[in-house]
Amino acid sequence: MSTRTSLEDFDLVILGGGTGGTVAAWTFATQGQRVAVIERKYVGGSCPNIACLPSKNVIHSTKVASYLRRSEEFGMAKRDFTVDMRVVRERKRRMVSGWNDVYLENYRKTGAE
C-alpha cells in the first residue's frame, strides 16, 4: 500500500461550507477559478441542516397545532386532533434533504468541489 497522496491544484481552498464559504465558492468557480471547499460535516453549513431552517420547520408545525387548538377563536368548529412528532420530524428531514440536493446541484453547476 502506497503512503503517497495525490496532489491537486486549486486556485482557492475554502475552509467551511456555510453560507459565506458556499457563496464564495460558487462565485469564484463561475468566474473560472478551480475551487475546493473543505467542510467537516454539513453541506451548506449548520443553518440549512440543524439550526435555522429545521428549527423554523418544527416551529411552524407548533403554530399550526396552536391554531387548531384555538380554532373556535377563528369561527371554526373544534375538532380533535393529535400531533404525530414522527411525521413532524420526517417533514423536517425531507426539507433538509431537499436543501442538501439544491446545494450539491449548485456545486455541480458551478464546478466548485
N, C-alpha and C. Protein backbone atom coordinates (compact mmCIF):
# COMPACT_ATOMS: atom_id res chain seq x y z
N MET A 1 0.84 -1.18 0.00
CA MET A 1 0.00 0.00 0.00
C MET A 1 0.89 1.24 0.00
N SER A 2 0.60 2.13 -0.88
CA SER A 2 1.39 3.36 -1.00
C SER A 2 0.93 4.38 0.04
N THR A 3 1.88 5.13 0.56
CA THR A 3 1.55 6.20 1.51
C THR A 3 1.55 7.55 0.83
N ARG A 4 1.76 7.57 -0.47
CA ARG A 4 1.76 8.83 -1.22
C ARG A 4 0.34 9.36 -1.36
N THR A 5 0.24 10.62 -1.33
CA THR A 5 -1.04 11.27 -1.56
C THR A 5 -0.97 11.98 -2.89
N SER A 6 -2.05 11.91 -3.64
CA SER A 6 -2.04 12.65 -4.89
C SER A 6 -2.42 14.09 -4.59
N LEU A 7 -1.73 15.00 -5.21
CA LEU A 7 -1.99 16.42 -5.01
C LEU A 7 -2.81 16.96 -6.16
N GLU A 8 -3.68 17.87 -5.85
CA GLU A 8 -4.46 18.55 -6.87
C GLU A 8 -4.21 20.04 -6.74
N ASP A 9 -4.24 20.72 -7.86
CA ASP A 9 -4.05 22.17 -7.85
C ASP A 9 -5.40 22.87 -7.83
N PHE A 10 -5.53 23.80 -6.90
CA PHE A 10 -6.71 24.64 -6.82
C PHE A 10 -6.27 26.08 -6.76
N ASP A 11 -7.08 26.96 -7.33
CA ASP A 11 -6.82 28.39 -7.21
C ASP A 11 -7.21 28.90 -5.83
N LEU A 12 -8.20 28.24 -5.23
CA LEU A 12 -8.72 28.70 -3.95
C LEU A 12 -9.22 27.50 -3.16
N VAL A 13 -8.85 27.44 -1.89
CA VAL A 13 -9.37 26.42 -0.97
C VAL A 13 -10.10 27.16 0.14
N ILE A 14 -11.36 26.82 0.32
CA ILE A 14 -12.20 27.50 1.31
C ILE A 14 -12.45 26.54 2.46
N LEU A 15 -12.20 27.02 3.67
CA LEU A 15 -12.45 26.23 4.86
C LEU A 15 -13.83 26.57 5.41
N GLY A 16 -14.73 25.63 5.32
CA GLY A 16 -16.09 25.83 5.83
C GLY A 16 -17.08 26.04 4.71
N GLY A 17 -18.10 25.20 4.69
CA GLY A 17 -19.11 25.28 3.64
C GLY A 17 -20.41 25.89 4.11
N GLY A 18 -20.32 26.83 5.04
CA GLY A 18 -21.51 27.56 5.46
C GLY A 18 -21.90 28.56 4.39
N THR A 19 -22.75 29.49 4.74
CA THR A 19 -23.25 30.46 3.77
C THR A 19 -22.13 31.22 3.09
N GLY A 20 -21.22 31.78 3.87
CA GLY A 20 -20.13 32.57 3.29
C GLY A 20 -19.22 31.75 2.40
N GLY A 21 -18.80 30.58 2.88
CA GLY A 21 -17.92 29.72 2.10
C GLY A 21 -18.57 29.22 0.83
N THR A 22 -19.84 28.87 0.93
CA THR A 22 -20.57 28.36 -0.23
C THR A 22 -20.74 29.43 -1.30
N VAL A 23 -21.17 30.61 -0.89
CA VAL A 23 -21.35 31.70 -1.87
C VAL A 23 -20.02 32.07 -2.50
N ALA A 24 -18.96 32.13 -1.71
CA ALA A 24 -17.64 32.44 -2.26
C ALA A 24 -17.21 31.36 -3.25
N ALA A 25 -17.41 30.11 -2.90
CA ALA A 25 -17.02 29.01 -3.79
C ALA A 25 -17.77 29.08 -5.11
N TRP A 26 -19.07 29.27 -5.04
CA TRP A 26 -19.86 29.33 -6.27
C TRP A 26 -19.47 30.54 -7.11
N THR A 27 -19.22 31.66 -6.46
CA THR A 27 -18.86 32.88 -7.18
C THR A 27 -17.53 32.71 -7.90
N PHE A 28 -16.50 32.28 -7.18
CA PHE A 28 -15.18 32.13 -7.80
C PHE A 28 -15.18 31.03 -8.85
N ALA A 29 -15.92 29.95 -8.61
CA ALA A 29 -15.97 28.86 -9.59
C ALA A 29 -16.62 29.31 -10.89
N THR A 30 -17.68 30.12 -10.80
CA THR A 30 -18.32 30.59 -12.03
C THR A 30 -17.45 31.59 -12.77
N GLN A 31 -16.45 32.14 -12.09
CA GLN A 31 -15.51 33.05 -12.74
C GLN A 31 -14.29 32.31 -13.29
N GLY A 32 -14.36 30.97 -13.28
CA GLY A 32 -13.31 30.17 -13.88
C GLY A 32 -12.22 29.71 -12.94
N GLN A 33 -12.33 30.01 -11.66
CA GLN A 33 -11.34 29.57 -10.69
C GLN A 33 -11.61 28.11 -10.31
N ARG A 34 -10.56 27.37 -10.04
CA ARG A 34 -10.74 26.00 -9.54
C ARG A 34 -10.80 26.09 -8.01
N VAL A 35 -11.96 25.73 -7.46
CA VAL A 35 -12.24 25.95 -6.04
C VAL A 35 -12.55 24.63 -5.34
N ALA A 36 -11.96 24.47 -4.15
CA ALA A 36 -12.29 23.33 -3.28
C ALA A 36 -12.83 23.88 -1.97
N VAL A 37 -13.87 23.24 -1.47
CA VAL A 37 -14.44 23.61 -0.18
C VAL A 37 -14.22 22.44 0.77
N ILE A 38 -13.67 22.75 1.93
CA ILE A 38 -13.47 21.73 2.96
C ILE A 38 -14.53 21.96 4.04
N GLU A 39 -15.41 21.00 4.16
CA GLU A 39 -16.49 21.08 5.16
C GLU A 39 -16.48 19.80 5.96
N ARG A 40 -16.43 19.93 7.26
CA ARG A 40 -16.33 18.77 8.14
C ARG A 40 -17.58 17.89 8.11
N LYS A 41 -18.75 18.52 8.09
CA LYS A 41 -19.94 17.69 8.27
C LYS A 41 -21.14 18.06 7.41
N TYR A 42 -21.52 19.32 7.37
CA TYR A 42 -22.81 19.70 6.78
C TYR A 42 -22.64 20.49 5.49
N VAL A 43 -23.17 19.97 4.38
CA VAL A 43 -23.19 20.72 3.14
C VAL A 43 -24.09 21.93 3.34
N GLY A 44 -23.57 23.12 3.15
CA GLY A 44 -24.33 24.34 3.37
C GLY A 44 -24.20 24.90 4.77
N GLY A 45 -23.46 24.20 5.63
CA GLY A 45 -23.27 24.68 6.99
C GLY A 45 -24.40 24.26 7.91
N SER A 46 -24.43 24.87 9.08
CA SER A 46 -25.41 24.45 10.09
C SER A 46 -26.82 24.99 9.83
N CYS A 47 -26.94 26.16 9.21
CA CYS A 47 -28.27 26.78 9.06
C CYS A 47 -29.27 25.87 8.33
N PRO A 48 -28.97 25.37 7.14
CA PRO A 48 -29.98 24.54 6.46
C PRO A 48 -30.05 23.11 6.98
N ASN A 49 -29.13 22.72 7.85
CA ASN A 49 -29.08 21.33 8.29
C ASN A 49 -29.57 21.09 9.71
N ILE A 50 -29.15 21.93 10.66
CA ILE A 50 -29.51 21.68 12.06
C ILE A 50 -29.99 22.91 12.80
N ALA A 51 -29.83 24.08 12.25
CA ALA A 51 -30.13 25.30 13.01
C ALA A 51 -31.36 26.01 12.46
N CYS A 52 -31.14 27.05 11.69
CA CYS A 52 -32.19 27.98 11.26
C CYS A 52 -33.40 27.30 10.63
N LEU A 53 -33.19 26.66 9.51
CA LEU A 53 -34.32 26.14 8.73
C LEU A 53 -35.03 24.97 9.41
N PRO A 54 -34.31 23.96 9.93
CA PRO A 54 -35.03 22.87 10.59
C PRO A 54 -35.82 23.33 11.81
N SER A 55 -35.25 24.25 12.59
CA SER A 55 -35.98 24.71 13.77
C SER A 55 -37.23 25.49 13.36
N LYS A 56 -37.13 26.29 12.32
CA LYS A 56 -38.31 27.03 11.85
C LYS A 56 -39.38 26.08 11.32
N ASN A 57 -38.95 24.99 10.72
CA ASN A 57 -39.89 23.98 10.23
C ASN A 57 -40.70 23.40 11.38
N VAL A 58 -40.02 23.05 12.47
CA VAL A 58 -40.71 22.49 13.64
C VAL A 58 -41.58 23.56 14.30
N ILE A 59 -41.07 24.79 14.39
CA ILE A 59 -41.85 25.89 14.97
C ILE A 59 -43.14 26.10 14.18
N HIS A 60 -43.07 25.99 12.85
CA HIS A 60 -44.27 26.16 12.03
C HIS A 60 -45.31 25.09 12.39
N SER A 61 -44.85 23.86 12.58
CA SER A 61 -45.79 22.80 12.97
C SER A 61 -46.47 23.12 14.30
N THR A 62 -45.73 23.70 15.24
CA THR A 62 -46.34 24.05 16.53
C THR A 62 -47.34 25.18 16.37
N LYS A 63 -47.07 26.11 15.46
CA LYS A 63 -48.03 27.19 15.21
C LYS A 63 -49.33 26.64 14.64
N VAL A 64 -49.21 25.70 13.70
CA VAL A 64 -50.40 25.08 13.12
C VAL A 64 -51.20 24.37 14.21
N ALA A 65 -50.51 23.64 15.09
CA ALA A 65 -51.20 22.96 16.20
C ALA A 65 -51.89 23.97 17.11
N SER A 66 -51.23 25.08 17.37
CA SER A 66 -51.83 26.12 18.21
C SER A 66 -53.10 26.68 17.57
N TYR A 67 -53.05 26.94 16.26
CA TYR A 67 -54.24 27.43 15.56
C TYR A 67 -55.38 26.42 15.64
N LEU A 68 -55.05 25.14 15.48
CA LEU A 68 -56.09 24.11 15.55
C LEU A 68 -56.71 24.05 16.95
N ARG A 69 -55.88 24.16 17.97
CA ARG A 69 -56.39 24.13 19.35
C ARG A 69 -57.30 25.33 19.63
N ARG A 70 -57.02 26.43 18.97
CA ARG A 70 -57.79 27.67 19.18
C ARG A 70 -58.77 27.92 18.03
N SER A 71 -59.16 26.88 17.33
CA SER A 71 -59.97 27.05 16.12
C SER A 71 -61.28 27.80 16.37
N GLU A 72 -61.87 27.63 17.54
CA GLU A 72 -63.13 28.31 17.82
C GLU A 72 -62.96 29.82 17.83
N GLU A 73 -61.77 30.30 18.21
CA GLU A 73 -61.50 31.75 18.16
C GLU A 73 -61.62 32.29 16.74
N PHE A 74 -61.41 31.42 15.78
CA PHE A 74 -61.43 31.82 14.37
C PHE A 74 -62.75 31.46 13.70
N GLY A 75 -63.74 31.08 14.52
CA GLY A 75 -65.06 30.77 13.98
C GLY A 75 -65.18 29.40 13.36
N MET A 76 -64.34 28.48 13.77
CA MET A 76 -64.38 27.13 13.21
C MET A 76 -64.74 26.13 14.31
N ALA A 77 -65.42 25.07 13.90
CA ALA A 77 -65.77 24.03 14.86
C ALA A 77 -64.50 23.33 15.32
N LYS A 78 -64.39 23.16 16.62
CA LYS A 78 -63.20 22.50 17.17
C LYS A 78 -63.29 21.00 16.90
N ARG A 79 -62.23 20.47 16.39
CA ARG A 79 -62.16 19.04 16.13
C ARG A 79 -60.98 18.47 16.89
N ASP A 80 -61.11 17.24 17.32
CA ASP A 80 -59.99 16.59 18.00
C ASP A 80 -58.89 16.32 16.98
N PHE A 81 -57.67 16.46 17.44
CA PHE A 81 -56.53 16.17 16.58
C PHE A 81 -55.37 15.74 17.46
N THR A 82 -54.42 15.11 16.84
CA THR A 82 -53.20 14.72 17.54
C THR A 82 -52.01 15.21 16.73
N VAL A 83 -50.91 15.40 17.42
CA VAL A 83 -49.66 15.77 16.76
C VAL A 83 -48.78 14.52 16.72
N ASP A 84 -48.40 14.12 15.53
CA ASP A 84 -47.53 12.96 15.35
C ASP A 84 -46.12 13.48 15.13
N MET A 85 -45.31 13.48 16.19
CA MET A 85 -43.96 14.04 16.09
C MET A 85 -43.09 13.27 15.10
N ARG A 86 -43.39 12.00 14.88
CA ARG A 86 -42.64 11.24 13.88
C ARG A 86 -42.83 11.88 12.51
N VAL A 87 -44.06 12.27 12.20
CA VAL A 87 -44.37 12.91 10.92
C VAL A 87 -43.74 14.31 10.86
N VAL A 88 -43.78 15.03 11.97
CA VAL A 88 -43.15 16.36 12.03
C VAL A 88 -41.65 16.23 11.74
N ARG A 89 -40.99 15.27 12.39
CA ARG A 89 -39.54 15.07 12.16
C ARG A 89 -39.26 14.65 10.72
N GLU A 90 -40.10 13.79 10.16
CA GLU A 90 -39.90 13.34 8.77
C GLU A 90 -40.06 14.52 7.81
N ARG A 91 -41.01 15.38 8.06
CA ARG A 91 -41.18 16.58 7.22
C ARG A 91 -39.92 17.44 7.27
N LYS A 92 -39.37 17.61 8.47
CA LYS A 92 -38.13 18.38 8.64
C LYS A 92 -36.99 17.70 7.89
N ARG A 93 -36.88 16.39 7.99
CA ARG A 93 -35.79 15.67 7.30
C ARG A 93 -35.91 15.80 5.78
N ARG A 94 -37.14 15.74 5.26
CA ARG A 94 -37.34 15.92 3.81
C ARG A 94 -36.90 17.31 3.38
N MET A 95 -37.23 18.32 4.20
CA MET A 95 -36.83 19.69 3.88
C MET A 95 -35.30 19.81 3.86
N VAL A 96 -34.63 19.25 4.87
CA VAL A 96 -33.17 19.30 4.93
C VAL A 96 -32.58 18.58 3.72
N SER A 97 -33.10 17.42 3.40
CA SER A 97 -32.60 16.66 2.25
C SER A 97 -32.78 17.44 0.96
N GLY A 98 -33.92 18.11 0.83
CA GLY A 98 -34.15 18.93 -0.37
C GLY A 98 -33.15 20.06 -0.49
N TRP A 99 -32.85 20.73 0.63
CA TRP A 99 -31.85 21.81 0.60
C TRP A 99 -30.47 21.26 0.29
N ASN A 100 -30.13 20.08 0.83
CA ASN A 100 -28.83 19.48 0.51
C ASN A 100 -28.73 19.21 -0.99
N ASP A 101 -29.80 18.72 -1.58
CA ASP A 101 -29.81 18.48 -3.02
C ASP A 101 -29.59 19.77 -3.80
N VAL A 102 -30.20 20.86 -3.35
CA VAL A 102 -30.02 22.16 -4.01
C VAL A 102 -28.56 22.60 -3.92
N TYR A 103 -27.97 22.49 -2.74
CA TYR A 103 -26.57 22.88 -2.56
C TYR A 103 -25.66 22.04 -3.45
N LEU A 104 -25.84 20.72 -3.44
CA LEU A 104 -24.99 19.84 -4.25
C LEU A 104 -25.15 20.12 -5.74
N GLU A 105 -26.37 20.39 -6.17
CA GLU A 105 -26.60 20.73 -7.58
C GLU A 105 -25.89 22.03 -7.95
N ASN A 106 -25.93 23.01 -7.06
CA ASN A 106 -25.23 24.28 -7.34
C ASN A 106 -23.72 24.09 -7.36
N TYR A 107 -23.19 23.22 -6.51
CA TYR A 107 -21.76 22.91 -6.58
C TYR A 107 -21.45 22.29 -7.94
N ARG A 108 -22.30 21.36 -8.37
CA ARG A 108 -22.08 20.70 -9.67
C ARG A 108 -22.14 21.71 -10.81
N LYS A 109 -23.18 22.57 -10.80
CA LYS A 109 -23.36 23.54 -11.87
C LYS A 109 -22.21 24.54 -11.96
N THR A 110 -21.71 24.96 -10.80
CA THR A 110 -20.65 25.98 -10.80
C THR A 110 -19.27 25.39 -11.00
N GLY A 111 -19.13 24.09 -10.74
CA GLY A 111 -17.82 23.46 -10.87
C GLY A 111 -16.99 23.51 -9.59
N ALA A 112 -17.53 24.07 -8.53
CA ALA A 112 -16.81 24.06 -7.25
C ALA A 112 -16.82 22.64 -6.70
N GLU A 113 -15.76 22.30 -5.99
CA GLU A 113 -15.66 20.93 -5.43
C GLU A 113 -15.70 20.96 -3.92
